[in-house]
């Protein structure tokens, strides 16, 4: 992961480092594992970060502004038996 904001994990992907089938599978496995632990994963591309930053920031703010990225005390996550 490149950045974590509460429960929001931001993984910035580029073609140069994510072209093999093995990398693709590993990324999806990590996403599933994180989701089972109660995390949200966002995977912006290089183009999103460099050329579409305003749009990407709007998406990040939609999650963080609604506080969906925050851990809640006492909130049961899927691994806690909820």
PDB file of N, CA and C in Angstrom:
ATOM      1  N   UNK A   1       0.848  -1.162   0.000  1.00  0.00           N
ATOM      2  CA  UNK A   1       0.000   0.000   0.000  1.00  0.00           C
ATOM      3  C   UNK A   1       0.894   1.226   0.000  1.00  0.00           C
ATOM      4  N   UNK A   2       0.445   2.247  -0.676  1.00  0.00           N
ATOM      5  CA  UNK A   2       1.224   3.478  -0.755  1.00  0.00           C
ATOM      6  C   UNK A   2       0.811   4.490   0.308  1.00  0.00           C
ATOM      7  N   UNK A   3      -0.459   4.477   0.678  1.00  0.00           N
ATOM      8  CA  UNK A   3      -0.962   5.451   1.638  1.00  0.00           C
ATOM      9  C   UNK A   3      -2.152   4.853   2.364  1.00  0.00           C
ATOM     10  N   UNK A   4      -2.228   5.092   3.662  1.00  0.00           N
ATOM     11  CA  UNK A   4      -3.367   4.646   4.459  1.00  0.00           C
ATOM     12  C   UNK A   4      -3.947   5.852   5.172  1.00  0.00           C
ATOM     13  N   UNK A   5      -5.253   6.037   5.028  1.00  0.00           N
ATOM     14  CA  UNK A   5      -5.979   7.095   5.713  1.00  0.00           C
ATOM     15  C   UNK A   5      -7.123   6.403   6.448  1.00  0.00           C
ATOM     16  N   UNK A   6      -6.925   6.122   7.727  1.00  0.00           N
ATOM     17  CA  UNK A   6      -7.926   5.358   8.469  1.00  0.00           C
ATOM     18  C   UNK A   6      -8.087   3.980   7.839  1.00  0.00           C
ATOM     19  N   UNK A   7      -9.309   3.650   7.435  1.00  0.00           N
ATOM     20  CA  UNK A   7      -9.568   2.360   6.794  1.00  0.00           C
ATOM     21  C   UNK A   7      -9.368   2.399   5.278  1.00  0.00           C
ATOM     22  N   UNK A   8      -9.052   3.572   4.735  1.00  0.00           N
ATOM     23  CA  UNK A   8      -8.865   3.715   3.287  1.00  0.00           C
ATOM     24  C   UNK A   8      -7.413   3.433   2.921  1.00  0.00           C
ATOM     25  N   UNK A   9      -7.214   2.439   2.096  1.00  0.00           N
ATOM     26  CA  UNK A   9      -5.887   2.100   1.585  1.00  0.00           C
ATOM     27  C   UNK A   9      -5.798   2.597   0.153  1.00  0.00           C
ATOM     28  N   UNK A  10      -4.769   3.363  -0.148  1.00  0.00           N
ATOM     29  CA  UNK A  10      -4.574   3.872  -1.505  1.00  0.00           C
ATOM     30  C   UNK A  10      -3.325   3.223  -2.076  1.00  0.00           C
ATOM     31  N   UNK A  11      -3.520   2.493  -3.153  1.00  0.00           N
ATOM     32  CA  UNK A  11      -2.445   1.757  -3.821  1.00  0.00           C
ATOM     33  C   UNK A  11      -2.311   2.342  -5.223  1.00  0.00           C
ATOM     34  N   UNK A  12      -1.257   3.109  -5.449  1.00  0.00           N
ATOM     35  CA  UNK A  12      -1.039   3.744  -6.751  1.00  0.00           C
ATOM     36  C   UNK A  12      -0.344   2.758  -7.679  1.00  0.00           C
ATOM     37  N   UNK A  13      -1.033   2.387  -8.725  1.00  0.00           N
ATOM     38  CA  UNK A  13      -0.527   1.381  -9.645  1.00  0.00           C
ATOM     39  C   UNK A  13      -0.013   2.014 -10.931  1.00  0.00           C
ATOM     40  N   UNK A  14       1.016   1.408 -11.460  1.00  0.00           N
ATOM     41  CA  UNK A  14       1.505   1.799 -12.784  1.00  0.00           C
ATOM     42  C   UNK A  14       1.666   0.539 -13.616  1.00  0.00           C
ATOM     43  N   UNK A  15       1.614   0.690 -14.913  1.00  0.00           N
ATOM     44  CA  UNK A  15       1.786  -0.472 -15.787  1.00  0.00           C
ATOM     45  C   UNK A  15       3.154  -1.108 -15.611  1.00  0.00           C
ATOM     46  N   UNK A  16       4.151  -0.292 -15.372  1.00  0.00           N
ATOM     47  CA  UNK A  16       5.525  -0.807 -15.283  1.00  0.00           C
ATOM     48  C   UNK A  16       5.684  -1.848 -14.179  1.00  0.00           C
ATOM     49  N   UNK A  17       4.942  -1.714 -13.097  1.00  0.00           N
ATOM     50  CA  UNK A  17       5.108  -2.622 -11.962  1.00  0.00           C
ATOM     51  C   UNK A  17       3.934  -3.573 -11.762  1.00  0.00           C
ATOM     52  N   UNK A  18       2.932  -3.519 -12.624  1.00  0.00           N
ATOM     53  CA  UNK A  18       1.755  -4.358 -12.443  1.00  0.00           C
ATOM     54  C   UNK A  18       1.313  -5.003 -13.754  1.00  0.00           C
ATOM     55  N   UNK A  19       2.267  -5.457 -14.532  1.00  0.00           N
ATOM     56  CA  UNK A  19       1.916  -6.029 -15.829  1.00  0.00           C
ATOM     57  C   UNK A  19       1.814  -7.542 -15.809  1.00  0.00           C
ATOM     58  N   UNK A  20       2.504  -8.194 -14.900  1.00  0.00           N
ATOM     59  CA  UNK A  20       2.479  -9.657 -14.918  1.00  0.00           C
ATOM     60  C   UNK A  20       1.187 -10.189 -14.309  1.00  0.00           C
ATOM     61  N   UNK A  21       0.797 -11.368 -14.737  1.00  0.00           N
ATOM     62  CA  UNK A  21      -0.393 -12.019 -14.179  1.00  0.00           C
ATOM     63  C   UNK A  21      -0.213 -12.264 -12.689  1.00  0.00           C
ATOM     64  N   UNK A  22       1.002 -12.581 -12.272  1.00  0.00           N
ATOM     65  CA  UNK A  22       1.264 -12.835 -10.852  1.00  0.00           C
ATOM     66  C   UNK A  22       1.049 -11.573 -10.017  1.00  0.00           C
ATOM     67  N   UNK A  23       1.553 -10.432 -10.480  1.00  0.00           N
ATOM     68  CA  UNK A  23       1.334  -9.170  -9.763  1.00  0.00           C
ATOM     69  C   UNK A  23      -0.149  -8.837  -9.682  1.00  0.00           C
ATOM     70  N   UNK A  24      -0.850  -9.041 -10.784  1.00  0.00           N
ATOM     71  CA  UNK A  24      -2.289  -8.783 -10.836  1.00  0.00           C
ATOM     72  C   UNK A  24      -3.021  -9.645  -9.806  1.00  0.00           C
ATOM     73  N   UNK A  25      -2.719 -10.941  -9.779  1.00  0.00           N
ATOM     74  CA  UNK A  25      -3.354 -11.853  -8.811  1.00  0.00           C
ATOM     75  C   UNK A  25      -3.022 -11.451  -7.380  1.00  0.00           C
ATOM     76  N   UNK A  26      -1.760 -11.149  -7.112  1.00  0.00           N
ATOM     77  CA  UNK A  26      -1.360 -10.766  -5.757  1.00  0.00           C
ATOM     78  C   UNK A  26      -2.070  -9.502  -5.291  1.00  0.00           C
ATOM     79  N   UNK A  27      -2.211  -8.531  -6.187  1.00  0.00           N
ATOM     80  CA  UNK A  27      -2.924  -7.301  -5.833  1.00  0.00           C
ATOM     81  C   UNK A  27      -4.369  -7.608  -5.439  1.00  0.00           C
ATOM     82  N   UNK A  28      -5.027  -8.457  -6.206  1.00  0.00           N
ATOM     83  CA  UNK A  28      -6.432  -8.790  -5.919  1.00  0.00           C
ATOM     84  C   UNK A  28      -6.549  -9.582  -4.631  1.00  0.00           C
ATOM     85  N   UNK A  29      -5.602 -10.462  -4.354  1.00  0.00           N
ATOM     86  CA  UNK A  29      -5.619 -11.207  -3.090  1.00  0.00           C
ATOM     87  C   UNK A  29      -5.453 -10.269  -1.909  1.00  0.00           C
ATOM     88  N   UNK A  30      -4.540  -9.317  -2.021  1.00  0.00           N
ATOM     89  CA  UNK A  30      -4.355  -8.335  -0.942  1.00  0.00           C
ATOM     90  C   UNK A  30      -5.604  -7.489  -0.749  1.00  0.00           C
ATOM     91  N   UNK A  31      -6.249  -7.117  -1.851  1.00  0.00           N
ATOM     92  CA  UNK A  31      -7.491  -6.342  -1.749  1.00  0.00           C
ATOM     93  C   UNK A  31      -8.565  -7.124  -1.003  1.00  0.00           C
ATOM     94  N   UNK A  32      -8.712  -8.401  -1.330  1.00  0.00           N
ATOM     95  CA  UNK A  32      -9.716  -9.234  -0.645  1.00  0.00           C
ATOM     96  C   UNK A  32      -9.394  -9.386   0.833  1.00  0.00           C
ATOM     97  N   UNK A  33      -8.125  -9.621   1.150  1.00  0.00           N
ATOM     98  CA  UNK A  33      -7.712  -9.768   2.550  1.00  0.00           C
ATOM     99  C   UNK A  33      -7.976  -8.480   3.323  1.00  0.00           C
ATOM    100  N   UNK A  34      -7.678  -7.339   2.725  1.00  0.00           N
ATOM    101  CA  UNK A  34      -7.914  -6.057   3.380  1.00  0.00           C
ATOM    102  C   UNK A  34      -9.408  -5.833   3.595  1.00  0.00           C
ATOM    103  N   UNK A  35     -10.212  -6.187   2.609  1.00  0.00           N
ATOM    104  CA  UNK A  35     -11.655  -6.021   2.721  1.00  0.00           C
ATOM    105  C   UNK A  35     -12.215  -6.870   3.862  1.00  0.00           C
ATOM    106  N   UNK A  36     -11.721  -8.086   4.003  1.00  0.00           N
ATOM    107  CA  UNK A  36     -12.159  -8.946   5.097  1.00  0.00           C
ATOM    108  C   UNK A  36     -11.800  -8.379   6.462  1.00  0.00           C
ATOM    109  N   UNK A  37     -10.776  -7.541   6.506  1.00  0.00           N
ATOM    110  CA  UNK A  37     -10.361  -6.894   7.753  1.00  0.00           C
ATOM    111  C   UNK A  37     -11.045  -5.534   7.957  1.00  0.00           C
ATOM    112  N   UNK A  38     -11.913  -5.163   7.028  1.00  0.00           N
ATOM    113  CA  UNK A  38     -12.659  -3.925   7.168  1.00  0.00           C
ATOM    114  C   UNK A  38     -12.055  -2.721   6.485  1.00  0.00           C
ATOM    115  N   UNK A  39     -11.060  -2.925   5.614  1.00  0.00           N
ATOM    116  CA  UNK A  39     -10.418  -1.822   4.904  1.00  0.00           C
ATOM    117  C   UNK A  39     -11.036  -1.628   3.530  1.00  0.00           C
ATOM    118  N   UNK A  40     -10.974  -0.413   3.031  1.00  0.00           N
ATOM    119  CA  UNK A  40     -11.406  -0.064   1.689  1.00  0.00           C
ATOM    120  C   UNK A  40     -10.152   0.185   0.864  1.00  0.00           C
ATOM    121  N   UNK A  41     -10.081  -0.370  -0.329  1.00  0.00           N
ATOM    122  CA  UNK A  41      -8.903  -0.171  -1.178  1.00  0.00           C
ATOM    123  C   UNK A  41      -9.283   0.646  -2.402  1.00  0.00           C
ATOM    124  N   UNK A  42      -8.479   1.654  -2.676  1.00  0.00           N
ATOM    125  CA  UNK A  42      -8.621   2.459  -3.885  1.00  0.00           C
ATOM    126  C   UNK A  42      -7.337   2.283  -4.685  1.00  0.00           C
ATOM    127  N   UNK A  43      -7.452   1.994  -5.981  1.00  0.00           N
ATOM    128  CA  UNK A  43      -6.291   1.757  -6.827  1.00  0.00           C
ATOM    129  C   UNK A  43      -6.237   2.743  -7.984  1.00  0.00           C
ATOM    130  N   UNK A  44      -5.830   3.979  -7.716  1.00  0.00           N
ATOM    131  CA  UNK A  44      -5.677   4.917  -8.829  1.00  0.00           C
ATOM    132  C   UNK A  44      -4.469   4.550  -9.688  1.00  0.00           C
ATOM    133  N   UNK A  45      -4.560   4.856 -10.953  1.00  0.00           N
ATOM    134  CA  UNK A  45      -3.455   4.611 -11.873  1.00  0.00           C
ATOM    135  C   UNK A  45      -2.503   5.808 -11.875  1.00  0.00           C
ATOM    136  N   UNK A  46      -1.376   5.614 -12.505  1.00  0.00           N
ATOM    137  CA  UNK A  46      -0.411   6.709 -12.692  1.00  0.00           C
ATOM    138  C   UNK A  46      -1.111   7.891 -13.368  1.00  0.00           C
ATOM    139  N   UNK A  47      -1.894   7.590 -14.405  1.00  0.00           N
ATOM    140  CA  UNK A  47      -2.597   8.643 -15.135  1.00  0.00           C
ATOM    141  C   UNK A  47      -3.566   9.392 -14.226  1.00  0.00           C
ATOM    142  N   UNK A  48      -4.251   8.665 -13.327  1.00  0.00           N
ATOM    143  CA  UNK A  48      -5.161   9.314 -12.387  1.00  0.00           C
ATOM    144  C   UNK A  48      -4.418  10.313 -11.508  1.00  0.00           C
ATOM    145  N   UNK A  49      -3.270   9.882 -10.989  1.00  0.00           N
ATOM    146  CA  UNK A  49      -2.508  10.718 -10.064  1.00  0.00           C
ATOM    147  C   UNK A  49      -1.896  11.920 -10.780  1.00  0.00           C
ATOM    148  N   UNK A  50      -1.322  11.700 -11.946  1.00  0.00           N
ATOM    149  CA  UNK A  50      -0.576  12.756 -12.633  1.00  0.00           C
ATOM    150  C   UNK A  50      -1.474  13.660 -13.486  1.00  0.00           C
ATOM    151  N   UNK A  51      -2.435  13.057 -14.192  1.00  0.00           N
ATOM    152  CA  UNK A  51      -3.222  13.828 -15.161  1.00  0.00           C
ATOM    153  C   UNK A  51      -4.658  14.096 -14.742  1.00  0.00           C
ATOM    154  N   UNK A  52      -5.170  13.346 -13.772  1.00  0.00           N
ATOM    155  CA  UNK A  52      -6.560  13.487 -13.349  1.00  0.00           C
ATOM    156  C   UNK A  52      -6.653  13.724 -11.846  1.00  0.00           C
ATOM    157  N   UNK A  53      -5.670  14.426 -11.280  1.00  0.00           N
ATOM    158  CA  UNK A  53      -5.604  14.600  -9.836  1.00  0.00           C
ATOM    159  C   UNK A  53      -6.880  15.201  -9.250  1.00  0.00           C
ATOM    160  N   UNK A  54      -7.434  16.216  -9.890  1.00  0.00           N
ATOM    161  CA  UNK A  54      -8.632  16.855  -9.344  1.00  0.00           C
ATOM    162  C   UNK A  54      -9.782  15.861  -9.210  1.00  0.00           C
ATOM    163  N   UNK A  55      -9.968  15.025 -10.205  1.00  0.00           N
ATOM    164  CA  UNK A  55     -11.030  14.020 -10.163  1.00  0.00           C
ATOM    165  C   UNK A  55     -10.738  12.982  -9.077  1.00  0.00           C
ATOM    166  N   UNK A  56      -9.495  12.541  -8.985  1.00  0.00           N
ATOM    167  CA  UNK A  56      -9.107  11.571  -7.964  1.00  0.00           C
ATOM    168  C   UNK A  56      -9.306  12.151  -6.570  1.00  0.00           C
ATOM    169  N   UNK A  57      -8.886  13.390  -6.362  1.00  0.00           N
ATOM    170  CA  UNK A  57      -9.052  14.028  -5.066  1.00  0.00           C
ATOM    171  C   UNK A  57     -10.532  14.139  -4.693  1.00  0.00           C
ATOM    172  N   UNK A  58     -11.377  14.411  -5.656  1.00  0.00           N
ATOM    173  CA  UNK A  58     -12.819  14.448  -5.410  1.00  0.00           C
ATOM    174  C   UNK A  58     -13.312  13.098  -4.907  1.00  0.00           C
ATOM    175  N   UNK A  59     -12.830  12.019  -5.511  1.00  0.00           N
ATOM    176  CA  UNK A  59     -13.217  10.672  -5.078  1.00  0.00           C
ATOM    177  C   UNK A  59     -12.721  10.378  -3.665  1.00  0.00           C
ATOM    178  N   UNK A  60     -11.479  10.739  -3.376  1.00  0.00           N
ATOM    179  CA  UNK A  60     -10.924  10.526  -2.029  1.00  0.00           C
ATOM    180  C   UNK A  60     -11.716  11.329  -1.013  1.00  0.00           C
ATOM    181  N   UNK A  61     -12.027  12.570  -1.336  1.00  0.00           N
ATOM    182  CA  UNK A  61     -12.800  13.415  -0.424  1.00  0.00           C
ATOM    183  C   UNK A  61     -14.215  12.889  -0.221  1.00  0.00           C
ATOM    184  N   UNK A  62     -14.787  12.222  -1.223  1.00  0.00           N
ATOM    185  CA  UNK A  62     -16.122  11.642  -1.067  1.00  0.00           C
ATOM    186  C   UNK A  62     -16.117  10.547   0.001  1.00  0.00           C
ATOM    187  N   UNK A  63     -15.019   9.829   0.096  1.00  0.00           N
ATOM    188  CA  UNK A  63     -14.905   8.782   1.108  1.00  0.00           C
ATOM    189  C   UNK A  63     -14.542   9.383   2.461  1.00  0.00           C
ATOM    190  N   UNK A  64     -13.536  10.229   2.484  1.00  0.00           N
ATOM    191  CA  UNK A  64     -13.089  10.780   3.765  1.00  0.00           C
ATOM    192  C   UNK A  64     -14.076  11.809   4.307  1.00  0.00           C
ATOM    193  N   UNK A  65     -14.731  12.553   3.451  1.00  0.00           N
ATOM    194  CA  UNK A  65     -15.703  13.547   3.902  1.00  0.00           C
ATOM    195  C   UNK A  65     -16.910  12.919   4.563  1.00  0.00           C
ATOM    196  N   UNK A  66     -17.263  11.724   4.130  1.00  0.00           N
ATOM    197  CA  UNK A  66     -18.397  11.007   4.722  1.00  0.00           C
ATOM    198  C   UNK A  66     -17.952  10.160   5.914  1.00  0.00           C
ATOM    199  N   UNK A  67     -16.676  10.263   6.266  1.00  0.00           N
ATOM    200  CA  UNK A  67     -16.095   9.513   7.395  1.00  0.00           C
ATOM    201  C   UNK A  67     -16.195   7.997   7.232  1.00  0.00           C
ATOM    202  N   UNK A  68     -16.337   7.515   6.014  1.00  0.00           N
ATOM    203  CA  UNK A  68     -16.382   6.064   5.793  1.00  0.00           C
ATOM    204  C   UNK A  68     -15.020   5.424   5.990  1.00  0.00           C
ATOM    205  N   UNK A  69     -13.983   6.244   6.054  1.00  0.00           N
ATOM    206  CA  UNK A  69     -12.623   5.730   6.185  1.00  0.00           C
ATOM    207  C   UNK A  69     -12.200   5.570   7.643  1.00  0.00           C
ATOM    208  N   UNK A  70     -13.013   6.031   8.575  1.00  0.00           N
ATOM    209  CA  UNK A  70     -12.621   6.038   9.985  1.00  0.00           C
ATOM    210  C   UNK A  70     -12.963   4.732  10.684  1.00  0.00           C
ATOM    211  N   UNK A  71     -12.060   4.322  11.558  1.00  0.00           N
ATOM    212  CA  UNK A  71     -12.332   3.200  12.448  1.00  0.00           C
ATOM    213  C   UNK A  71     -13.265   3.709  13.532  1.00  0.00           C
ATOM    214  N   UNK A  72     -14.236   2.926  13.885  1.00  0.00           N
ATOM    215  CA  UNK A  72     -15.163   3.299  14.941  1.00  0.00           C
ATOM    216  C   UNK A  72     -14.894   2.450  16.182  1.00  0.00           C
ATOM    217  N   UNK A  73     -14.663   3.074  17.333  1.00  0.00           N
ATOM    218  CA  UNK A  73     -14.475   2.282  18.564  1.00  0.00           C
ATOM    219  C   UNK A  73     -15.692   1.400  18.807  1.00  0.00           C
ATOM    220  N   UNK A  74     -15.436   0.163  19.117  1.00  0.00           N
ATOM    221  CA  UNK A  74     -16.522  -0.768  19.398  1.00  0.00           C
ATOM    222  C   UNK A  74     -17.180  -1.352  18.173  1.00  0.00           C
ATOM    223  N   UNK A  75     -16.836  -0.852  17.000  1.00  0.00           N
ATOM    224  CA  UNK A  75     -17.425  -1.383  15.759  1.00  0.00           C
ATOM    225  C   UNK A  75     -16.785  -2.713  15.452  1.00  0.00           C
ATOM    226  N   UNK A  76     -17.613  -3.705  15.235  1.00  0.00           N
ATOM    227  CA  UNK A  76     -17.097  -5.026  14.929  1.00  0.00           C
ATOM    228  C   UNK A  76     -16.758  -5.116  13.451  1.00  0.00           C
ATOM    229  N   UNK A  77     -15.540  -5.536  13.179  1.00  0.00           N
ATOM    230  CA  UNK A  77     -15.112  -5.782  11.807  1.00  0.00           C
ATOM    231  C   UNK A  77     -15.406  -7.235  11.478  1.00  0.00           C
ATOM    232  N   UNK A  78     -15.445  -7.611  10.210  1.00  0.00           N
ATOM    233  CA  UNK A  78     -15.792  -8.981   9.831  1.00  0.00           C
ATOM    234  C   UNK A  78     -15.004 -10.053  10.566  1.00  0.00           C
ATOM    235  N   UNK A  79     -13.733  -9.842  10.815  1.00  0.00           N
ATOM    236  CA  UNK A  79     -12.921 -10.851  11.517  1.00  0.00           C
ATOM    237  C   UNK A  79     -13.264 -10.941  13.001  1.00  0.00           C
ATOM    238  N   UNK A  80     -14.026  -9.964  13.526  1.00  0.00           N
ATOM    239  CA  UNK A  80     -14.401  -9.963  14.938  1.00  0.00           C
ATOM    240  C   UNK A  80     -15.653 -10.798  15.192  1.00  0.00           C
ATOM    241  N   UNK A  81     -16.165 -11.433  14.150  1.00  0.00           N
ATOM    242  CA  UNK A  81     -17.341 -12.273  14.318  1.00  0.00           C
ATOM    243  C   UNK A  81     -18.653 -11.588  14.018  1.00  0.00           C
ATOM    244  N   UNK A  82     -18.602 -10.396  13.439  1.00  0.00           N
ATOM    245  CA  UNK A  82     -19.839  -9.687  13.111  1.00  0.00           C
ATOM    246  C   UNK A  82     -20.456 -10.244  11.842  1.00  0.00           C
TER     247      UNK A  82
END
